[in-house]
Amino acid sequence: MSKQDEASIQKILDWADENSVPDLKWIEHDSYLKGGYFKGIPRDKEKLLNLTELNLLGYQLLDIPKEIALLVDLRKLYLSGNKLSELPVEIANLVNLEELYIPGNHLKTLPKEIGALKKLKILILQENQLSSLPKEIGNLQNLSTLQLGGNQLTSLPKELGELTQLRTLTIWKNKLTSLPKEIKNLVNLTEFDCLYNTLKLTQEDVQWLETLMANDCQLCI
């Protein structure tokens, strides 16, 4: 580990101490198939640097340090149930990330750098305060699950139609009045939930939804 990396890792550890994030520990939980999960941040610098899964659920965090960009081996990142209003743009460095969970926060925007996470398969963003999405979300070509329910979205970017690997798309309880015409490219959906919007569906929208239904997609409209 270089001196520069060691200094950055130390900043993460200092941040963890300041925010009362405990050392990595096993939490027993009956609802998990393996009986529980690891949570917290290890105080061993090498172990932290080599983490593949980081769970920071429910610590009431107001921010995430930009030095998190150093944890390039991360595959799963859980930030659920905090008070985050933004993500550091350095999250773009987490190029091996496959699952990102940020429900129940205060996010108002997503950085356009989110589009750099090309390996991302699951992106959970429900119950935030998002009013828009960056067009770069269309770069997440491997995304299979995108959950956006419970936000303040007034529109969806046309680039959403480029996510042709999507199986689950939930946009319930937003402020949407229409769908981008490009959404018709999402023909592989097995779940689509758009309840509690004021959508005015076009004939093309209806035809697309009928096609999804014919393919046994679970619809909530």
Protein backbone atom coordinates (compact mmCIF):
# COMPACT_ATOMS: atom_id res chain seq x y z
CA MET A 1 0.00 0.00 0.00
CA SER A 2 1.42 3.38 -1.01
CA LYS A 3 1.70 6.22 1.49
CA GLN A 4 -0.95 8.13 -0.45
CA ASP A 5 -3.37 5.17 -0.33
CA GLU A 6 -2.66 4.66 3.35
CA ALA A 7 -3.46 8.30 4.04
CA SER A 8 -6.75 8.00 2.14
CA ILE A 9 -7.68 4.82 3.99
CA GLN A 10 -6.95 6.61 7.26
CA LYS A 11 -9.38 9.36 6.25
CA ILE A 12 -12.09 6.72 5.80
CA LEU A 13 -11.32 5.31 9.24
CA ASP A 14 -11.36 8.79 10.80
CA TRP A 15 -14.72 9.44 9.14
CA ALA A 16 -16.04 6.12 10.48
CA ASP A 17 -14.98 7.05 14.01
CA GLU A 18 -16.53 10.52 13.73
CA ASN A 19 -19.83 8.98 12.57
CA SER A 20 -19.86 6.16 15.13
CA VAL A 21 -19.63 3.48 12.45
CA PRO A 22 -18.41 0.39 14.34
CA ASP A 23 -15.77 -2.12 13.39
CA LEU A 24 -16.87 -4.82 10.98
CA LYS A 25 -19.05 -7.32 12.81
CA TRP A 26 -21.45 -10.17 12.10
CA ILE A 27 -25.14 -9.38 12.69
CA GLU A 28 -27.32 -12.42 13.24
CA HIS A 29 -30.65 -12.14 11.44
CA ASP A 30 -33.18 -14.89 10.93
CA SER A 31 -34.53 -13.49 7.67
CA TYR A 32 -31.21 -13.97 5.87
CA LEU A 33 -30.57 -17.37 4.31
CA LYS A 34 -27.09 -17.54 5.81
CA GLY A 35 -28.35 -16.37 9.20
CA GLY A 36 -27.08 -12.81 9.10
CA TYR A 37 -24.71 -10.33 7.50
CA PHE A 38 -21.55 -8.32 8.05
CA LYS A 39 -21.97 -4.63 8.88
CA GLY A 40 -19.56 -1.77 9.63
CA ILE A 41 -16.05 -0.81 8.56
CA PRO A 42 -13.00 -2.92 9.43
CA ARG A 43 -10.24 -1.03 11.22
CA ASP A 44 -7.57 -3.12 9.54
CA LYS A 45 -6.39 -1.03 6.58
CA GLU A 46 -5.53 -3.94 4.28
CA LYS A 47 -8.85 -5.63 4.99
CA LEU A 48 -10.70 -2.39 4.26
CA LEU A 49 -8.80 -1.86 1.02
CA ASN A 50 -9.73 -5.36 -0.17
CA LEU A 51 -13.42 -5.30 0.80
CA THR A 52 -15.87 -6.65 -1.76
CA GLU A 53 -19.00 -5.83 0.26
CA LEU A 54 -19.64 -2.78 2.44
CA ASN A 55 -22.79 -2.45 4.54
CA LEU A 56 -23.44 0.98 6.12
CA LEU A 57 -27.17 0.53 6.67
CA GLY A 58 -28.91 2.81 9.13
CA TYR A 59 -26.03 4.81 10.64
CA GLN A 60 -27.75 8.18 9.98
CA LEU A 61 -24.86 9.23 7.76
CA LEU A 62 -24.96 12.70 6.23
CA ASP A 63 -22.18 12.07 3.73
CA ILE A 64 -19.85 9.49 2.25
CA PRO A 65 -16.15 10.40 2.05
CA LYS A 66 -14.70 10.83 -1.43
CA GLU A 67 -11.90 8.47 -0.40
CA ILE A 68 -14.36 5.60 -0.83
CA ALA A 69 -13.13 5.69 -4.42
CA LEU A 70 -10.10 3.75 -3.23
CA LEU A 71 -12.21 0.63 -2.50
CA VAL A 72 -12.11 -0.53 -6.11
CA ASP A 73 -12.79 -4.18 -5.25
CA LEU A 74 -16.28 -3.42 -3.95
CA ARG A 75 -19.03 -5.50 -5.58
CA LYS A 76 -21.88 -4.55 -3.23
CA LEU A 77 -22.49 -1.26 -1.42
CA TYR A 78 -25.38 -0.82 1.03
CA LEU A 79 -26.21 2.76 2.03
CA SER A 80 -29.85 2.20 2.97
CA GLY A 81 -31.60 4.18 5.69
CA ASN A 82 -29.19 7.09 6.10
CA LYS A 83 -29.54 10.85 5.52
CA LEU A 84 -27.46 11.24 2.39
CA SER A 85 -28.40 14.20 0.19
CA GLU A 86 -25.74 13.48 -2.43
CA LEU A 87 -23.12 10.97 -3.52
CA PRO A 88 -19.48 11.87 -4.11
CA VAL A 89 -18.59 12.03 -7.81
CA GLU A 90 -15.65 9.79 -6.96
CA ILE A 91 -18.12 6.90 -6.81
CA ALA A 92 -17.29 6.57 -10.52
CA ASN A 93 -14.04 4.83 -9.47
CA LEU A 94 -15.95 1.84 -8.08
CA VAL A 95 -15.87 0.22 -11.51
CA ASN A 96 -16.42 -3.32 -10.18
CA LEU A 97 -19.60 -2.42 -8.32
CA GLU A 98 -22.52 -4.72 -9.21
CA GLU A 99 -25.11 -3.78 -6.59
CA LEU A 100 -25.82 -0.35 -5.12
CA TYR A 101 -28.55 0.15 -2.51
CA ILE A 102 -29.48 3.70 -1.43
CA PRO A 103 -33.18 3.57 -0.43
CA GLY A 104 -34.56 5.73 2.37
CA ASN A 105 -32.15 8.65 2.07
CA HIS A 106 -32.49 12.33 1.07
CA LEU A 107 -30.91 12.20 -2.38
CA LYS A 108 -32.01 15.12 -4.54
CA THR A 109 -29.74 14.33 -7.50
CA LEU A 110 -27.54 11.58 -8.84
CA PRO A 111 -24.09 12.53 -10.13
CA LYS A 112 -23.67 11.97 -13.87
CA GLU A 113 -20.61 9.92 -12.92
CA ILE A 114 -23.00 7.12 -11.97
CA GLY A 115 -22.81 6.18 -15.65
CA ALA A 116 -19.25 4.93 -15.16
CA LEU A 117 -20.45 1.92 -13.15
CA LYS A 118 -20.72 -0.29 -16.22
CA LYS A 119 -20.89 -3.56 -14.22
CA LEU A 120 -23.85 -2.41 -12.13
CA LYS A 121 -26.76 -4.88 -12.17
CA ILE A 122 -28.92 -3.62 -9.30
CA LEU A 123 -29.62 0.04 -8.48
CA ILE A 124 -32.10 0.71 -5.66
CA LEU A 125 -33.12 4.35 -5.18
CA GLN A 126 -36.65 4.30 -3.80
CA GLU A 127 -37.83 6.70 -1.07
CA ASN A 128 -35.49 9.58 -1.85
CA GLN A 129 -36.14 13.10 -3.18
CA LEU A 130 -34.94 12.72 -6.76
CA SER A 131 -36.61 15.11 -9.19
CA SER A 132 -34.62 13.98 -12.24
CA LEU A 133 -32.11 11.40 -13.44
CA PRO A 134 -28.91 12.07 -15.39
CA LYS A 135 -28.93 10.93 -19.01
CA GLU A 136 -25.77 8.95 -18.22
CA ILE A 137 -27.96 6.36 -16.51
CA GLY A 138 -28.35 4.96 -20.01
CA ASN A 139 -24.71 3.81 -19.84
CA LEU A 140 -25.59 1.13 -17.28
CA GLN A 141 -26.03 -1.52 -19.96
CA ASN A 142 -25.90 -4.46 -17.52
CA LEU A 143 -28.61 -3.13 -15.21
CA SER A 144 -31.33 -5.70 -14.52
CA THR A 145 -33.11 -4.00 -11.58
CA LEU A 146 -33.88 -0.29 -11.24
CA GLN A 147 -36.14 0.85 -8.41
CA LEU A 148 -37.18 4.50 -8.40
CA GLY A 149 -40.44 4.47 -6.44
CA GLY A 150 -41.22 7.14 -3.85
CA ASN A 151 -39.29 10.04 -5.38
CA GLN A 152 -40.23 13.38 -6.99
CA LEU A 153 -39.54 12.50 -10.61
CA THR A 154 -41.49 14.57 -13.12
CA SER A 155 -39.96 12.87 -16.17
CA LEU A 156 -37.69 10.01 -17.17
CA PRO A 157 -34.71 10.48 -19.51
CA LYS A 158 -35.08 8.96 -22.97
CA GLU A 159 -31.79 7.16 -22.32
CA LEU A 160 -33.72 4.85 -19.99
CA GLY A 161 -34.71 3.02 -23.16
CA GLU A 162 -31.11 1.93 -23.63
CA LEU A 163 -31.28 -0.35 -20.57
CA THR A 164 -32.48 -3.33 -22.56
CA GLN A 165 -31.32 -5.85 -19.95
CA LEU A 166 -33.78 -4.50 -17.38
CA ARG A 167 -36.07 -7.08 -15.80
CA THR A 168 -37.47 -4.96 -12.97
CA LEU A 169 -38.44 -1.29 -13.24
CA THR A 170 -40.45 0.38 -10.49
CA ILE A 171 -41.45 4.05 -10.70
CA TRP A 172 -44.41 4.10 -8.31
CA LYS A 173 -45.36 7.25 -6.36
CA ASN A 174 -43.61 9.91 -8.41
CA LYS A 175 -44.97 12.91 -10.32
CA LEU A 176 -44.84 11.43 -13.78
CA THR A 177 -47.42 12.42 -16.37
CA SER A 178 -45.91 10.61 -19.36
CA LEU A 179 -43.39 7.96 -20.34
CA PRO A 180 -40.54 8.51 -22.82
CA LYS A 181 -41.30 6.84 -26.13
CA GLU A 182 -37.95 5.03 -25.85
CA ILE A 183 -39.29 3.01 -22.92
CA LYS A 184 -40.85 0.70 -25.51
CA ASN A 185 -37.35 -0.74 -26.01
CA LEU A 186 -37.63 -2.40 -22.60
CA VAL A 187 -39.21 -5.59 -23.88
CA ASN A 188 -37.56 -7.93 -21.36
CA LEU A 189 -39.28 -6.57 -18.25
CA THR A 190 -40.77 -9.13 -15.89
CA GLU A 191 -41.94 -6.49 -13.38
CA PHE A 192 -43.15 -2.95 -14.03
CA ASP A 193 -44.82 -0.86 -11.30
CA CYS A 194 -45.98 2.68 -12.09
CA LEU A 195 -48.78 3.07 -9.53
CA TYR A 196 -49.54 6.45 -7.95
CA ASN A 197 -48.52 8.66 -10.84
CA THR A 198 -50.79 10.67 -13.12
CA LEU A 199 -49.69 9.03 -16.35
CA LYS A 200 -51.51 9.79 -19.58
CA LEU A 201 -50.86 6.71 -21.63
CA THR A 202 -50.61 6.95 -25.40
CA GLN A 203 -51.80 4.21 -27.73
CA GLU A 204 -48.16 3.19 -28.15
CA ASP A 205 -47.82 2.94 -24.37
CA VAL A 206 -50.86 0.69 -24.22
CA GLN A 207 -49.53 -1.55 -26.99
CA TRP A 208 -46.20 -1.85 -25.18
CA LEU A 209 -47.92 -2.75 -21.92
CA GLU A 210 -50.06 -5.33 -23.69
CA THR A 211 -46.91 -6.88 -25.13
CA LEU A 212 -45.38 -7.05 -21.66
CA MET A 213 -48.52 -8.69 -20.31
CA ALA A 214 -48.44 -11.25 -23.10
CA ASN A 215 -44.91 -12.09 -21.98
CA ASP A 216 -46.08 -12.64 -18.36
CA CYS A 217 -44.68 -9.39 -17.02
CA GLN A 218 -46.11 -8.47 -13.63
CA LEU A 219 -47.74 -5.05 -14.11
CA CYS A 220 -48.98 -2.57 -11.53
CA ILE A 221 -50.53 0.37 -13.37
